[in-house]
C-alpha atoms as a PDB file:
ATOM      1  CA  MET A   1      82.128  19.198 248.775  1.00  0.00           C
ATOM      2  CA  ARG A   2      79.568  20.104 251.716  1.00  0.00           C
ATOM      3  CA  ASN A   3      80.307  22.889 253.869  1.00  0.00           C
ATOM      4  CA  ILE A   4      79.423  23.170 257.376  1.00  0.00           C
ATOM      5  CA  LEU A   5      79.277  26.055 259.717  1.00  0.00           C
ATOM      6  CA  ILE A   6      79.411  25.467 263.216  1.00  0.00           C
ATOM      7  CA  PRO A   7      78.860  28.698 265.654  1.00  0.00           C
ATOM      8  CA  ILE A   8      81.086  28.169 268.741  1.00  0.00           C
ATOM      9  CA  ASP A   9      80.837  30.097 271.717  1.00  0.00           C
ATOM     10  CA  GLY A  10      82.982  28.718 274.122  1.00  0.00           C
ATOM     11  CA  THR A  11      80.564  26.490 275.916  1.00  0.00           C
ATOM     12  CA  LYS A  12      80.589  23.081 276.744  1.00  0.00           C
ATOM     13  CA  GLN A  13      77.647  22.587 274.264  1.00  0.00           C
ATOM     14  CA  ASP A  14      79.644  23.454 271.288  1.00  0.00           C
ATOM     15  CA  GLU A  15      81.440  20.053 271.978  1.00  0.00           C
ATOM     16  CA  ALA A  16      78.328  18.126 271.248  1.00  0.00           C
ATOM     17  CA  ALA A  17      78.155  20.077 267.701  1.00  0.00           C
ATOM     18  CA  VAL A  18      81.885  19.523 266.766  1.00  0.00           C
ATOM     19  CA  ARG A  19      81.596  15.746 267.970  1.00  0.00           C
ATOM     20  CA  ALA A  20      78.540  15.335 265.909  1.00  0.00           C
ATOM     21  CA  VAL A  21      80.375  16.754 262.593  1.00  0.00           C
ATOM     22  CA  ALA A  22      83.251  14.446 263.189  1.00  0.00           C
ATOM     23  CA  ALA A  23      81.323  11.336 264.034  1.00  0.00           C
ATOM     24  CA  SER A  24      79.522  11.903 260.477  1.00  0.00           C
ATOM     25  CA  LYS A  25      82.937  12.091 258.851  1.00  0.00           C
ATOM     26  CA  ARG A  26      84.158   9.072 260.602  1.00  0.00           C
ATOM     27  CA  GLN A  27      80.761   7.382 259.300  1.00  0.00           C
ATOM     28  CA  GLY A  28      81.921   8.124 255.453  1.00  0.00           C
ATOM     29  CA  ALA A  29      80.679  11.646 255.107  1.00  0.00           C
ATOM     30  CA  ASN A  30      83.363  12.795 252.523  1.00  0.00           C
ATOM     31  CA  GLY A  31      84.047  15.894 250.815  1.00  0.00           C
ATOM     32  CA  VAL A  32      83.018  17.858 254.132  1.00  0.00           C
ATOM     33  CA  ALA A  33      84.583  21.651 254.599  1.00  0.00           C
ATOM     34  CA  ILE A  34      84.250  22.691 258.352  1.00  0.00           C
ATOM     35  CA  HIS A  35      83.945  26.248 259.270  1.00  0.00           C
ATOM     36  CA  LEU A  36      84.196  27.364 262.920  1.00  0.00           C
ATOM     37  CA  LEU A  37      82.561  30.482 263.716  1.00  0.00           C
ATOM     38  CA  ASN A  38      83.035  32.725 266.774  1.00  0.00           C
ATOM     39  CA  VAL A  39      81.142  35.807 266.883  1.00  0.00           C
ATOM     40  CA  GLN A  40      82.227  38.547 269.405  1.00  0.00           C
ATOM     41  CA  PRO A  41      79.717  41.069 270.612  1.00  0.00           C
ATOM     42  CA  PRO A  42      80.330  44.829 269.034  1.00  0.00           C
ATOM     43  CA  VAL A  43      81.765  47.305 271.388  1.00  0.00           C
ATOM     44  CA  ARG A  44      79.697  50.636 271.083  1.00  0.00           C
ATOM     45  CA  SER A  45      81.525  53.678 270.327  1.00  0.00           C
ATOM     46  CA  TYR A  46      80.993  55.181 273.956  1.00  0.00           C
ATOM     47  CA  ALA A  47      83.298  52.467 275.505  1.00  0.00           C
ATOM     48  CA  ALA A  48      85.868  52.687 272.429  1.00  0.00           C
ATOM     49  CA  GLN A  49      86.453  56.214 272.857  1.00  0.00           C
ATOM     50  CA  PHE A  50      87.892  55.161 276.502  1.00  0.00           C
ATOM     51  CA  LEU A  51      89.720  51.853 275.569  1.00  0.00           C
ATOM     52  CA  GLY A  52      90.734  52.719 272.135  1.00  0.00           C
ATOM     53  CA  LEU A  53      89.786  50.545 268.962  1.00  0.00           C
ATOM     54  CA  ALA A  54      93.225  48.433 269.212  1.00  0.00           C
ATOM     55  CA  ALA A  55      92.984  47.523 272.724  1.00  0.00           C
ATOM     56  CA  ILE A  56      89.375  46.306 271.869  1.00  0.00           C
ATOM     57  CA  ARG A  57      90.078  44.539 268.869  1.00  0.00           C
ATOM     58  CA  ASP A  58      93.132  42.418 270.815  1.00  0.00           C
ATOM     59  CA  TYR A  59      90.839  41.543 273.527  1.00  0.00           C
ATOM     60  CA  GLN A  60      88.184  40.495 271.057  1.00  0.00           C
ATOM     61  CA  ARG A  61      90.836  38.117 269.512  1.00  0.00           C
ATOM     62  CA  VAL A  62      91.997  36.552 272.642  1.00  0.00           C
ATOM     63  CA  GLU A  63      88.368  35.936 273.985  1.00  0.00           C
ATOM     64  CA  ALA A  64      87.749  34.304 270.163  1.00  0.00           C
ATOM     65  CA  GLY A  65      90.857  32.091 270.424  1.00  0.00           C
ATOM     66  CA  LYS A  66      89.710  30.914 274.011  1.00  0.00           C
ATOM     67  CA  ALA A  67      86.283  30.033 272.786  1.00  0.00           C
ATOM     68  CA  LEU A  68      87.480  28.369 269.971  1.00  0.00           C
ATOM     69  CA  ALA A  69      90.437  26.326 271.754  1.00  0.00           C
ATOM     70  CA  GLY A  70      88.070  23.506 272.588  1.00  0.00           C
ATOM     71  CA  ALA A  71      86.627  22.902 269.137  1.00  0.00           C
ATOM     72  CA  ARG A  72      89.850  23.302 267.520  1.00  0.00           C
ATOM     73  CA  ARG A  73      91.574  20.666 269.621  1.00  0.00           C
ATOM     74  CA  ALA A  74      88.668  18.141 268.850  1.00  0.00           C
ATOM     75  CA  LEU A  75      88.878  18.603 265.258  1.00  0.00           C
ATOM     76  CA  ASP A  76      92.916  18.469 265.435  1.00  0.00           C
ATOM     77  CA  GLU A  77      92.506  15.200 267.247  1.00  0.00           C
ATOM     78  CA  ALA A  78      90.159  13.693 264.683  1.00  0.00           C
ATOM     79  CA  GLY A  79      92.247  14.686 261.988  1.00  0.00           C
ATOM     80  CA  MET A  80      89.902  16.924 260.358  1.00  0.00           C
ATOM     81  CA  PRO A  81      90.511  20.201 258.406  1.00  0.00           C
ATOM     82  CA  PHE A  82      88.403  23.234 259.219  1.00  0.00           C
ATOM     83  CA  THR A  83      88.689  26.885 258.955  1.00  0.00           C
ATOM     84  CA  VAL A  84      88.208  29.471 261.640  1.00  0.00           C
ATOM     85  CA  HIS A  85      86.293  32.620 261.308  1.00  0.00           C
ATOM     86  CA  ILE A  86      86.001  35.317 263.708  1.00  0.00           C
ATOM     87  CA  ARG A  87      83.346  38.191 263.319  1.00  0.00           C
ATOM     88  CA  ILE A  88      81.926  41.013 265.229  1.00  0.00           C
ATOM     89  CA  GLY A  89      78.419  41.775 265.260  1.00  0.00           C
ATOM     90  CA  GLU A  90      75.030  40.352 266.686  1.00  0.00           C
ATOM     91  CA  SER A  91      75.052  36.764 266.793  1.00  0.00           C
ATOM     92  CA  VAL A  92      72.110  35.691 264.772  1.00  0.00           C
ATOM     93  CA  GLU A  93      72.611  38.102 261.807  1.00  0.00           C
ATOM     94  CA  THR A  94      76.514  37.296 261.956  1.00  0.00           C
ATOM     95  CA  ILE A  95      75.847  33.711 261.965  1.00  0.00           C
ATOM     96  CA  ALA A  96      73.612  34.039 258.749  1.00  0.00           C
ATOM     97  CA  ALA A  97      75.854  36.210 256.846  1.00  0.00           C
ATOM     98  CA  ALA A  98      78.573  34.012 257.818  1.00  0.00           C
ATOM     99  CA  ALA A  99      76.856  30.690 256.575  1.00  0.00           C
ATOM    100  CA  ALA A 100      76.229  32.951 253.052  1.00  0.00           C
ATOM    101  CA  GLU A 101      79.583  33.962 252.974  1.00  0.00           C
ATOM    102  CA  THR A 102      81.213  30.404 253.222  1.00  0.00           C
ATOM    103  CA  ALA A 103      78.318  29.259 251.142  1.00  0.00           C
ATOM    104  CA  ALA A 104      77.560  26.639 253.909  1.00  0.00           C
ATOM    105  CA  ASP A 105      75.048  23.947 253.440  1.00  0.00           C
ATOM    106  CA  GLU A 106      74.082  23.574 256.741  1.00  0.00           C
ATOM    107  CA  ILE A 107      74.557  25.424 260.369  1.00  0.00           C
ATOM    108  CA  VAL A 108      75.264  22.884 262.958  1.00  0.00           C
ATOM    109  CA  ILE A 109      74.494  24.276 266.163  1.00  0.00           C
ATOM    110  CA  ALA A 110      74.285  22.667 269.946  1.00  0.00           C
ATOM    111  CA  GLY A 111      71.019  23.124 271.710  1.00  0.00           C
ATOM    112  CA  GLY A 112      70.736  23.708 275.377  1.00  0.00           C
ATOM    113  CA  GLY A 113      72.539  25.801 277.999  1.00  0.00           C
ATOM    114  CA  ASP A 114      73.894  24.834 281.392  1.00  0.00           C
ATOM    115  CA  THR A 115      71.012  26.330 283.203  1.00  0.00           C
ATOM    116  CA  LEU A 116      67.572  27.095 282.820  1.00  0.00           C
ATOM    117  CA  VAL A 117      68.412  30.644 281.949  1.00  0.00           C
ATOM    118  CA  GLY A 118      71.080  29.467 279.487  1.00  0.00           C
ATOM    119  CA  ASP A 119      68.964  26.748 277.925  1.00  0.00           C
ATOM    120  CA  LEU A 120      66.203  29.410 277.326  1.00  0.00           C
ATOM    121  CA  MET A 121      68.683  31.878 275.824  1.00  0.00           C
ATOM    122  CA  ARG A 122      69.937  29.188 273.245  1.00  0.00           C
ATOM    123  CA  ARG A 123      66.576  28.291 272.431  1.00  0.00           C
ATOM    124  CA  LEU A 124      65.587  31.582 271.501  1.00  0.00           C
ATOM    125  CA  LEU A 125      68.820  32.107 269.554  1.00  0.00           C
ATOM    126  CA  VAL A 126      68.311  28.610 267.602  1.00  0.00           C
ATOM    127  CA  ALA A 127      64.450  30.099 266.610  1.00  0.00           C
ATOM    128  CA  ARG A 128      65.812  33.309 265.556  1.00  0.00           C
ATOM    129  CA  LEU A 129      68.494  31.606 263.654  1.00  0.00           C
ATOM    130  CA  VAL A 130      65.928  29.172 262.131  1.00  0.00           C
ATOM    131  CA  ARG A 131      63.984  32.119 261.028  1.00  0.00           C
ATOM    132  CA  ARG A 132      66.914  34.211 259.516  1.00  0.00           C
ATOM    133  CA  SER A 133      68.838  31.517 257.903  1.00  0.00           C
ATOM    134  CA  LYS A 134      68.545  30.697 254.322  1.00  0.00           C
ATOM    135  CA  VAL A 135      70.095  27.210 255.043  1.00  0.00           C
ATOM    136  CA  PRO A 136      69.009  24.143 257.303  1.00  0.00           C
ATOM    137  CA  VAL A 137      70.042  24.459 260.949  1.00  0.00           C
ATOM    138  CA  VAL A 138      70.666  21.215 262.636  1.00  0.00           C
ATOM    139  CA  VAL A 139      70.399  21.473 266.184  1.00  0.00           C
ATOM    140  CA  VAL A 140      72.223  18.771 268.281  1.00  0.00           C
ATOM    141  CA  ARG A 141      71.257  17.263 271.393  1.00  0.00           C
ATOM    142  CA  SER A 142      73.817  18.279 274.023  1.00  0.00           C
ATOM    143  CA  GLN A 143      74.107  16.891 277.752  1.00  0.00           C
ATOM    144  CA  ARG A 144      73.192  19.026 280.637  1.00  0.00           C
ATOM    145  CA  PRO A 145      75.323  18.959 283.787  1.00  0.00           C
ATOM    146  CA  ASP A 146      72.436  17.378 285.789  1.00  0.00           C
ATOM    147  CA  GLY A 147      72.386  14.494 283.132  1.00  0.00           C
ATOM    148  CA  GLY A 148      69.401  15.464 281.264  1.00  0.00           C
ATOM    149  CA  ARG A 149      68.935  15.954 277.734  1.00  0.00           C
ATOM    150  CA  ALA A 150      68.515  19.995 276.349  1.00  0.00           C
ATOM    151  CA  ILE A 151      66.978  20.595 273.141  1.00  0.00           C
ATOM    152  CA  PRO A 152      66.252  17.350 271.379  1.00  0.00           C
ATOM    153  CA  ALA A 153      68.128  16.611 268.254  1.00  0.00           C
ATOM    154  CA  ALA A 154      66.327  18.220 265.099  1.00  0.00           C
ATOM    155  CA  GLY A 155      67.163  19.044 261.600  1.00  0.00           C
ATOM    156  CA  LEU A 156      65.513  22.476 261.358  1.00  0.00           C
ATOM    157  CA  ARG A 157      64.297  24.083 257.898  1.00  0.00           C
ATOM    158  CA  PRO A 158      64.757  27.879 257.428  1.00  0.00           C
ATOM    159  CA  SER A 159      61.020  29.544 256.844  1.00  0.00           C
ATOM    160  CA  THR A 160      59.853  29.976 253.613  1.00  0.00           C
ATOM    161  CA  GLY A 161      57.865  33.229 254.618  1.00  0.00           C
END
């Protein structure tokens, strides 16, 4: 069985990654286990002193639920089972660790952002993830609001050095 990890941050670009995995399943890719991952940023201890750890964890759970809602709905509609993972940490390191924990065969992530800055940030995240990951990172093309294409689709391999 192939394990696919899809990092979900709640942006519209995530839909492209989920659709690509769902389409591959419809085209006959049997034996696929889908893992949706949402990474919540850590809250520094200074903020935790004032807010309380329980309140922070509740907030992170709610935000993760919002971010994952669209992906969950799309996979439910496609009749595809999946597992949800919510982690707290720095995005790239946490995604790479989750790939190892789930024995992922690949990470499927959407490229591009809604804005020029968002596009640049996503490209930087993907580049860091490719360097850090021990499994292939597949970047799925996503449609930008202006009708242009974001990052071209590419199957990227982790560096060996």
